Every structure is written in structure tokens, then in C-alpha cells.
Amino acid sequence: SDLMKAIATGMDLAKTFSNTLPSSKDFMERFA
């Protein structure tokens, strides 16, 4: 999914401001 890939990229950028978010790898590979 391009949408999910875009969200994952955004989450990695957001981790600059918050370390509570999962990594893009975890988001894509572990979470529904």
C-alpha cells in the first residue's frame, strides 16, 4: 500500500519530536 508506506515515512519523521511512536518497520511489519 502506497498509503501505508507514506504514513510509515511520516512516522519516522515524527519520531524526531516523539519517541513514543513505533518505527516505520514495526508499523509496516507488525501492526494491522
PDB file of all heavy atoms in Angstrom:
ATOM      1  N   SER A   1       0.816  -1.210   0.000  1.00  0.00           N
ATOM      2  CA  SER A   1       0.000   0.000   0.000  1.00  0.00           C
ATOM      3  C   SER A   1       0.855   1.268   0.000  1.00  0.00           C
ATOM      4  O   SER A   1       1.654   1.495   0.916  1.00  0.00           O
ATOM      5  CB  SER A   1      -0.915   0.007   1.234  1.00  0.00           C
ATOM      6  OG  SER A   1      -1.495   1.278   1.432  1.00  0.00           O
ATOM      7  N   ASP A   2       0.673   2.111  -0.994  1.00  0.00           N
ATOM      8  CA  ASP A   2       1.375   3.393  -1.030  1.00  0.00           C
ATOM      9  C   ASP A   2       0.950   4.282   0.140  1.00  0.00           C
ATOM     10  O   ASP A   2       1.770   5.030   0.690  1.00  0.00           O
ATOM     11  CB  ASP A   2       1.103   4.112  -2.360  1.00  0.00           C
ATOM     12  CG  ASP A   2       1.774   3.428  -3.541  1.00  0.00           C
ATOM     13  OD1 ASP A   2       2.770   2.697  -3.315  1.00  0.00           O
ATOM     14  OD2 ASP A   2       1.310   3.615  -4.683  1.00  0.00           O
ATOM     15  N   LEU A   3      -0.329   4.201   0.513  1.00  0.00           N
ATOM     16  CA  LEU A   3      -0.810   4.991   1.646  1.00  0.00           C
ATOM     17  C   LEU A   3      -0.081   4.598   2.924  1.00  0.00           C
ATOM     18  O   LEU A   3       0.390   5.466   3.681  1.00  0.00           O
ATOM     19  CB  LEU A   3      -2.314   4.806   1.818  1.00  0.00           C
ATOM     20  CG  LEU A   3      -2.926   5.428   3.082  1.00  0.00           C
ATOM     21  CD1 LEU A   3      -2.733   6.939   3.091  1.00  0.00           C
ATOM     22  CD2 LEU A   3      -4.407   5.062   3.198  1.00  0.00           C
ATOM     23  N   MET A   4       0.040   3.293   3.177  1.00  0.00           N
ATOM     24  CA  MET A   4       0.708   2.835   4.391  1.00  0.00           C
ATOM     25  C   MET A   4       2.196   3.185   4.366  1.00  0.00           C
ATOM     26  O   MET A   4       2.783   3.548   5.388  1.00  0.00           O
ATOM     27  CB  MET A   4       0.520   1.332   4.561  1.00  0.00           C
ATOM     28  CG  MET A   4      -0.912   0.905   4.846  1.00  0.00           C
ATOM     29  SD  MET A   4      -1.569   1.537   6.426  1.00  0.00           S
ATOM     30  CE  MET A   4      -2.711   2.812   5.837  1.00  0.00           C
ATOM     31  N   LYS A   5       2.819   3.100   3.196  1.00  0.00           N
ATOM     32  CA  LYS A   5       4.238   3.477   3.080  1.00  0.00           C
ATOM     33  C   LYS A   5       4.417   4.964   3.394  1.00  0.00           C
ATOM     34  O   LYS A   5       5.390   5.354   4.058  1.00  0.00           O
ATOM     35  CB  LYS A   5       4.747   3.171   1.677  1.00  0.00           C
ATOM     36  CG  LYS A   5       4.836   1.682   1.356  1.00  0.00           C
ATOM     37  CD  LYS A   5       5.234   1.470  -0.103  1.00  0.00           C
ATOM     38  CE  LYS A   5       5.206   0.013  -0.494  1.00  0.00           C
ATOM     39  NZ  LYS A   5       5.501  -0.200  -1.936  1.00  0.00           N
ATOM     40  N   ALA A   6       3.484   5.784   2.928  1.00  0.00           N
ATOM     41  CA  ALA A   6       3.578   7.217   3.194  1.00  0.00           C
ATOM     42  C   ALA A   6       3.409   7.504   4.681  1.00  0.00           C
ATOM     43  O   ALA A   6       4.123   8.347   5.253  1.00  0.00           O
ATOM     44  CB  ALA A   6       2.520   7.964   2.380  1.00  0.00           C
ATOM     45  N   ILE A   7       2.463   6.819   5.312  1.00  0.00           N
ATOM     46  CA  ILE A   7       2.262   7.005   6.752  1.00  0.00           C
ATOM     47  C   ILE A   7       3.506   6.569   7.520  1.00  0.00           C
ATOM     48  O   ILE A   7       3.941   7.233   8.470  1.00  0.00           O
ATOM     49  CB  ILE A   7       1.024   6.227   7.223  1.00  0.00           C
ATOM     50  CG1 ILE A   7      -0.251   6.853   6.626  1.00  0.00           C
ATOM     51  CG2 ILE A   7       0.943   6.211   8.749  1.00  0.00           C
ATOM     52  CD1 ILE A   7      -1.504   6.053   6.909  1.00  0.00           C
ATOM     53  N   ALA A   8       4.091   5.447   7.100  1.00  0.00           N
ATOM     54  CA  ALA A   8       5.304   4.954   7.768  1.00  0.00           C
ATOM     55  C   ALA A   8       6.436   5.974   7.674  1.00  0.00           C
ATOM     56  O   ALA A   8       7.160   6.218   8.649  1.00  0.00           O
ATOM     57  CB  ALA A   8       5.728   3.624   7.154  1.00  0.00           C
ATOM     58  N   THR A   9       6.602   6.579   6.504  1.00  0.00           N
ATOM     59  CA  THR A   9       7.630   7.600   6.332  1.00  0.00           C
ATOM     60  C   THR A   9       7.355   8.785   7.246  1.00  0.00           C
ATOM     61  O   THR A   9       8.269   9.323   7.903  1.00  0.00           O
ATOM     62  CB  THR A   9       7.681   8.068   4.869  1.00  0.00           C
ATOM     63  OG1 THR A   9       8.009   6.955   4.029  1.00  0.00           O
ATOM     64  CG2 THR A   9       8.716   9.167   4.688  1.00  0.00           C
ATOM     65  N   GLY A  10       6.095   9.178   7.315  1.00  0.00           N
ATOM     66  CA  GLY A  10       5.718  10.285   8.195  1.00  0.00           C
ATOM     67  C   GLY A  10       5.974   9.969   9.657  1.00  0.00           C
ATOM     68  O   GLY A  10       6.365  10.848  10.440  1.00  0.00           O
ATOM     69  N   MET A  11       5.769   8.713  10.042  1.00  0.00           N
ATOM     70  CA  MET A  11       6.005   8.325  11.432  1.00  0.00           C
ATOM     71  C   MET A  11       7.481   8.424  11.780  1.00  0.00           C
ATOM     72  O   MET A  11       7.850   8.846  12.883  1.00  0.00           O
ATOM     73  CB  MET A  11       5.477   6.918  11.677  1.00  0.00           C
ATOM     74  CG  MET A  11       3.970   6.820  11.617  1.00  0.00           C
ATOM     75  SD  MET A  11       3.346   5.154  11.827  1.00  0.00           S
ATOM     76  CE  MET A  11       3.574   4.937  13.580  1.00  0.00           C
ATOM     77  N   ASP A  12       8.354   8.049  10.855  1.00  0.00           N
ATOM     78  CA  ASP A  12       9.792   8.177  11.120  1.00  0.00           C
ATOM     79  C   ASP A  12      10.184   9.645  11.285  1.00  0.00           C
ATOM     80  O   ASP A  12      11.016   9.992  12.138  1.00  0.00           O
ATOM     81  CB  ASP A  12      10.589   7.536   9.995  1.00  0.00           C
ATOM     82  CG  ASP A  12      10.793   6.045  10.209  1.00  0.00           C
ATOM     83  OD1 ASP A  12      10.531   5.559  11.326  1.00  0.00           O
ATOM     84  OD2 ASP A  12      11.201   5.363   9.257  1.00  0.00           O
ATOM     85  N   LEU A  13       9.590  10.522  10.473  1.00  0.00           N
ATOM     86  CA  LEU A  13       9.865  11.951  10.615  1.00  0.00           C
ATOM     87  C   LEU A  13       9.336  12.469  11.948  1.00  0.00           C
ATOM     88  O   LEU A  13       9.994  13.265  12.631  1.00  0.00           O
ATOM     89  CB  LEU A  13       9.225  12.726   9.459  1.00  0.00           C
ATOM     90  CG  LEU A  13       9.808  12.463   8.068  1.00  0.00           C
ATOM     91  CD1 LEU A  13       8.970  13.162   6.999  1.00  0.00           C
ATOM     92  CD2 LEU A  13      11.262  12.938   7.995  1.00  0.00           C
ATOM     93  N   ALA A  14       8.156  11.967  12.342  1.00  0.00           N
ATOM     94  CA  ALA A  14       7.539  12.430  13.594  1.00  0.00           C
ATOM     95  C   ALA A  14       8.323  11.968  14.815  1.00  0.00           C
ATOM     96  O   ALA A  14       8.254  12.593  15.881  1.00  0.00           O
ATOM     97  CB  ALA A  14       6.102  11.945  13.671  1.00  0.00           C
ATOM     98  N   LYS A  15       9.066  10.872  14.681  1.00  0.00           N
ATOM     99  CA  LYS A  15       9.845  10.375  15.808  1.00  0.00           C
ATOM    100  C   LYS A  15      10.936  11.365  16.235  1.00  0.00           C
ATOM    101  O   LYS A  15      11.481  11.266  17.333  1.00  0.00           O
ATOM    102  CB  LYS A  15      10.464   9.013  15.472  1.00  0.00           C
ATOM    103  CG  LYS A  15       9.474   7.863  15.550  1.00  0.00           C
ATOM    104  CD  LYS A  15      10.115   6.542  15.202  1.00  0.00           C
ATOM    105  CE  LYS A  15      11.042   6.051  16.296  1.00  0.00           C
ATOM    106  NZ  LYS A  15      10.291   5.698  17.528  1.00  0.00           N
ATOM    107  N   THR A  16      11.209  12.318  15.371  1.00  0.00           N
ATOM    108  CA  THR A  16      12.145  13.377  15.745  1.00  0.00           C
ATOM    109  C   THR A  16      11.605  14.177  16.927  1.00  0.00           C
ATOM    110  O   THR A  16      12.355  14.691  17.764  1.00  0.00           O
ATOM    111  CB  THR A  16      12.380  14.330  14.555  1.00  0.00           C
ATOM    112  OG1 THR A  16      12.828  13.573  13.442  1.00  0.00           O
ATOM    113  CG2 THR A  16      13.403  15.402  14.894  1.00  0.00           C
ATOM    114  N   PHE A  17      10.268  14.243  17.010  1.00  0.00           N
ATOM    115  CA  PHE A  17       9.619  15.041  18.053  1.00  0.00           C
ATOM    116  C   PHE A  17       9.014  14.174  19.157  1.00  0.00           C
ATOM    117  O   PHE A  17       8.704  14.682  20.236  1.00  0.00           O
ATOM    118  CB  PHE A  17       8.516  15.905  17.430  1.00  0.00           C
ATOM    119  CG  PHE A  17       9.004  16.744  16.286  1.00  0.00           C
ATOM    120  CD1 PHE A  17       8.812  16.323  14.974  1.00  0.00           C
ATOM    121  CD2 PHE A  17       9.674  17.937  16.516  1.00  0.00           C
ATOM    122  CE1 PHE A  17       9.276  17.090  13.917  1.00  0.00           C
ATOM    123  CE2 PHE A  17      10.135  18.702  15.462  1.00  0.00           C
ATOM    124  CZ  PHE A  17       9.938  18.279  14.153  1.00  0.00           C
ATOM    125  N   SER A  18       8.831  12.881  18.884  1.00  0.00           N
ATOM    126  CA  SER A  18       8.234  11.988  19.886  1.00  0.00           C
ATOM    127  C   SER A  18       8.796  10.590  19.715  1.00  0.00           C
ATOM    128  O   SER A  18       8.735  10.023  18.625  1.00  0.00           O
ATOM    129  CB  SER A  18       6.700  11.942  19.723  1.00  0.00           C
ATOM    130  OG  SER A  18       6.140  10.956  20.553  1.00  0.00           O
ATOM    131  N   ASN A  19       9.326  10.040  20.803  1.00  0.00           N
ATOM    132  CA  ASN A  19       9.885   8.683  20.726  1.00  0.00           C
ATOM    133  C   ASN A  19       8.876   7.616  21.131  1.00  0.00           C
ATOM    134  O   ASN A  19       9.240   6.470  21.354  1.00  0.00           O
ATOM    135  CB  ASN A  19      11.146   8.568  21.584  1.00  0.00           C
ATOM    136  CG  ASN A  19      10.860   8.844  23.060  1.00  0.00           C
ATOM    137  OD1 ASN A  19       9.706   9.003  23.459  1.00  0.00           O
ATOM    138  ND2 ASN A  19      11.916   8.915  23.854  1.00  0.00           N
ATOM    139  N   THR A  20       7.594   8.007  21.254  1.00  0.00           N
ATOM    140  CA  THR A  20       6.565   7.042  21.637  1.00  0.00           C
ATOM    141  C   THR A  20       5.974   6.325  20.431  1.00  0.00           C
ATOM    142  O   THR A  20       5.261   5.331  20.590  1.00  0.00           O
ATOM    143  CB  THR A  20       5.438   7.729  22.413  1.00  0.00           C
ATOM    144  OG1 THR A  20       4.818   8.705  21.575  1.00  0.00           O
ATOM    145  CG2 THR A  20       5.975   8.396  23.671  1.00  0.00           C
ATOM    146  N   LEU A  21       6.247   6.814  19.230  1.00  0.00           N
ATOM    147  CA  LEU A  21       5.701   6.201  18.028  1.00  0.00           C
ATOM    148  C   LEU A  21       6.498   4.956  17.647  1.00  0.00           C
ATOM    149  O   LEU A  21       7.701   4.890  17.878  1.00  0.00           O
ATOM    150  CB  LEU A  21       5.722   7.193  16.863  1.00  0.00           C
ATOM    151  CG  LEU A  21       4.815   8.421  16.989  1.00  0.00           C
ATOM    152  CD1 LEU A  21       5.118   9.400  15.863  1.00  0.00           C
ATOM    153  CD2 LEU A  21       3.354   8.021  16.988  1.00  0.00           C
ATOM    154  N   PRO A  22       5.837   3.959  17.044  1.00  0.00           N
ATOM    155  CA  PRO A  22       6.599   2.800  16.559  1.00  0.00           C
ATOM    156  C   PRO A  22       7.467   3.192  15.372  1.00  0.00           C
ATOM    157  O   PRO A  22       7.205   4.192  14.702  1.00  0.00           O
ATOM    158  CB  PRO A  22       5.504   1.814  16.143  1.00  0.00           C
ATOM    159  CG  PRO A  22       4.321   2.672  15.811  1.00  0.00           C
ATOM    160  CD  PRO A  22       4.395   3.839  16.765  1.00  0.00           C
ATOM    161  N   SER A  23       8.477   2.410  15.113  1.00  0.00           N
ATOM    162  CA  SER A  23       9.298   2.655  13.927  1.00  0.00           C
ATOM    163  C   SER A  23       8.485   2.319  12.683  1.00  0.00           C
ATOM    164  O   SER A  23       7.483   1.598  12.743  1.00  0.00           O
ATOM    165  CB  SER A  23      10.549   1.784  13.974  1.00  0.00           C
ATOM    166  OG  SER A  23      10.203   0.413  13.826  1.00  0.00           O
ATOM    167  N   SER A  24       8.933   2.832  11.539  1.00  0.00           N
ATOM    168  CA  SER A  24       8.239   2.520  10.289  1.00  0.00           C
ATOM    169  C   SER A  24       8.275   1.014  10.018  1.00  0.00           C
ATOM    170  O   SER A  24       7.314   0.445   9.497  1.00  0.00           O
ATOM    171  CB  SER A  24       8.873   3.289   9.127  1.00  0.00           C
ATOM    172  OG  SER A  24      10.248   2.967   9.001  1.00  0.00           O
ATOM    173  N   LYS A  25       9.372   0.361  10.389  1.00  0.00           N
ATOM    174  CA  LYS A  25       9.486  -1.085  10.186  1.00  0.00           C
ATOM    175  C   LYS A  25       8.440  -1.831  11.011  1.00  0.00           C
ATOM    176  O   LYS A  25       7.740  -2.713  10.492  1.00  0.00           O
ATOM    177  CB  LYS A  25      10.895  -1.551  10.566  1.00  0.00           C
ATOM    178  CG  LYS A  25      11.124  -3.060  10.408  1.00  0.00           C
ATOM    179  CD  LYS A  25      12.564  -3.423  10.766  1.00  0.00           C
ATOM    180  CE  LYS A  25      12.789  -4.922  10.758  1.00  0.00           C
ATOM    181  NZ  LYS A  25      12.606  -5.502   9.419  1.00  0.00           N
ATOM    182  N   ASP A  26       8.316  -1.469  12.292  1.00  0.00           N
ATOM    183  CA  ASP A  26       7.311  -2.112  13.134  1.00  0.00           C
ATOM    184  C   ASP A  26       5.904  -1.818  12.620  1.00  0.00           C
ATOM    185  O   ASP A  26       5.047  -2.705  12.581  1.00  0.00           O
ATOM    186  CB  ASP A  26       7.440  -1.638  14.581  1.00  0.00           C
ATOM    187  CG  ASP A  26       8.565  -2.334  15.318  1.00  0.00           C
ATOM    188  OD1 ASP A  26       9.094  -3.342  14.789  1.00  0.00           O
ATOM    189  OD2 ASP A  26       8.921  -1.879  16.419  1.00  0.00           O
ATOM    190  N   PHE A  27       5.667  -0.569  12.231  1.00  0.00           N
ATOM    191  CA  PHE A  27       4.352  -0.180  11.728  1.00  0.00           C
ATOM    192  C   PHE A  27       3.962  -1.021  10.513  1.00  0.00           C
ATOM    193  O   PHE A  27       2.826  -1.495  10.408  1.00  0.00           O
ATOM    194  CB  PHE A  27       4.349   1.303  11.365  1.00  0.00           C
ATOM    195  CG  PHE A  27       3.080   1.771  10.710  1.00  0.00           C
ATOM    196  CD1 PHE A  27       1.918   1.941  11.446  1.00  0.00           C
ATOM    197  CD2 PHE A  27       3.051   2.045   9.347  1.00  0.00           C
ATOM    198  CE1 PHE A  27       0.742   2.365  10.832  1.00  0.00           C
ATOM    199  CE2 PHE A  27       1.887   2.471   8.730  1.00  0.00           C
ATOM    200  CZ  PHE A  27       0.723   2.634   9.467  1.00  0.00           C
ATOM    201  N   MET A  28       4.906  -1.218   9.601  1.00  0.00           N
ATOM    202  CA  MET A  28       4.606  -1.943   8.376  1.00  0.00           C
ATOM    203  C   MET A  28       4.570  -3.458   8.571  1.00  0.00           C
ATOM    204  O   MET A  28       3.804  -4.158   7.895  1.00  0.00           O
ATOM    205  CB  MET A  28       5.641  -1.596   7.298  1.00  0.00           C
ATOM    206  CG  MET A  28       5.556  -0.166   6.796  1.00  0.00           C
ATOM    207  SD  MET A  28       3.984   0.239   5.984  1.00  0.00           S
ATOM    208  CE  MET A  28       4.085  -0.782   4.502  1.00  0.00           C
ATOM    209  N   GLU A  29       5.379  -3.975   9.502  1.00  0.00           N
ATOM    210  CA  GLU A  29       5.543  -5.432   9.596  1.00  0.00           C
ATOM    211  C   GLU A  29       4.796  -6.075  10.752  1.00  0.00           C
ATOM    212  O   GLU A  29       4.597  -7.289  10.745  1.00  0.00           O
ATOM    213  CB  GLU A  29       7.033  -5.766   9.710  1.00  0.00           C
ATOM    214  CG  GLU A  29       7.834  -5.382   8.469  1.00  0.00           C
ATOM    215  CD  GLU A  29       9.300  -5.744   8.601  1.00  0.00           C
ATOM    216  OE1 GLU A  29       9.704  -6.314   9.656  1.00  0.00           O
ATOM    217  OE2 GLU A  29      10.062  -5.463   7.645  1.00  0.00           O
ATOM    218  N   ARG A  30       4.362  -5.288  11.744  1.00  0.00           N
ATOM    219  CA  ARG A  30       3.756  -5.892  12.933  1.00  0.00           C
ATOM    220  C   ARG A  30       2.312  -5.494  13.160  1.00  0.00           C
ATOM    221  O   ARG A  30       1.536  -6.269  13.725  1.00  0.00           O
ATOM    222  CB  ARG A  30       4.565  -5.519  14.181  1.00  0.00           C
ATOM    223  CG  ARG A  30       5.960  -6.107  14.241  1.00  0.00           C
ATOM    224  CD  ARG A  30       6.659  -5.676  15.528  1.00  0.00           C
ATOM    225  NE  ARG A  30       5.817  -5.948  16.698  1.00  0.00           N
ATOM    226  CZ  ARG A  30       5.809  -5.210  17.796  1.00  0.00           C
ATOM    227  NH1 ARG A  30       6.585  -4.140  17.883  1.00  0.00           N
ATOM    228  NH2 ARG A  30       5.032  -5.531  18.810  1.00  0.00           N
ATOM    229  N   PHE A  31       1.931  -4.275  12.754  1.00  0.00           N
ATOM    230  CA  PHE A  31       0.644  -3.728  13.153  1.00  0.00           C
ATOM    231  C   PHE A  31      -0.369  -3.731  12.008  1.00  0.00           C
ATOM    232  O   PHE A  31      -0.052  -3.342  10.887  1.00  0.00           O
ATOM    233  CB  PHE A  31       0.803  -2.293  13.657  1.00  0.00           C
ATOM    234  CG  PHE A  31       1.618  -2.183  14.918  1.00  0.00           C
ATOM    235  CD1 PHE A  31       2.897  -1.672  14.889  1.00  0.00           C
ATOM    236  CD2 PHE A  31       1.093  -2.603  16.126  1.00  0.00           C
ATOM    237  CE1 PHE A  31       3.658  -1.564  16.039  1.00  0.00           C
ATOM    238  CE2 PHE A  31       1.835  -2.513  17.297  1.00  0.00           C
ATOM    239  CZ  PHE A  31       3.119  -1.991  17.254  1.00  0.00           C
ATOM    240  N   ALA A  32      -1.591  -4.163  12.323  1.00  0.00           N
ATOM    241  CA  ALA A  32      -2.707  -4.000  11.398  1.00  0.00           C
ATOM    242  C   ALA A  32      -3.211  -2.563  11.503  1.00  0.00           C
ATOM    243  O   ALA A  32      -3.148  -1.948  12.566  1.00  0.00           O
ATOM    244  CB  ALA A  32      -3.827  -4.971  11.738  1.00  0.00           C
TER     245      ALA A  32
END
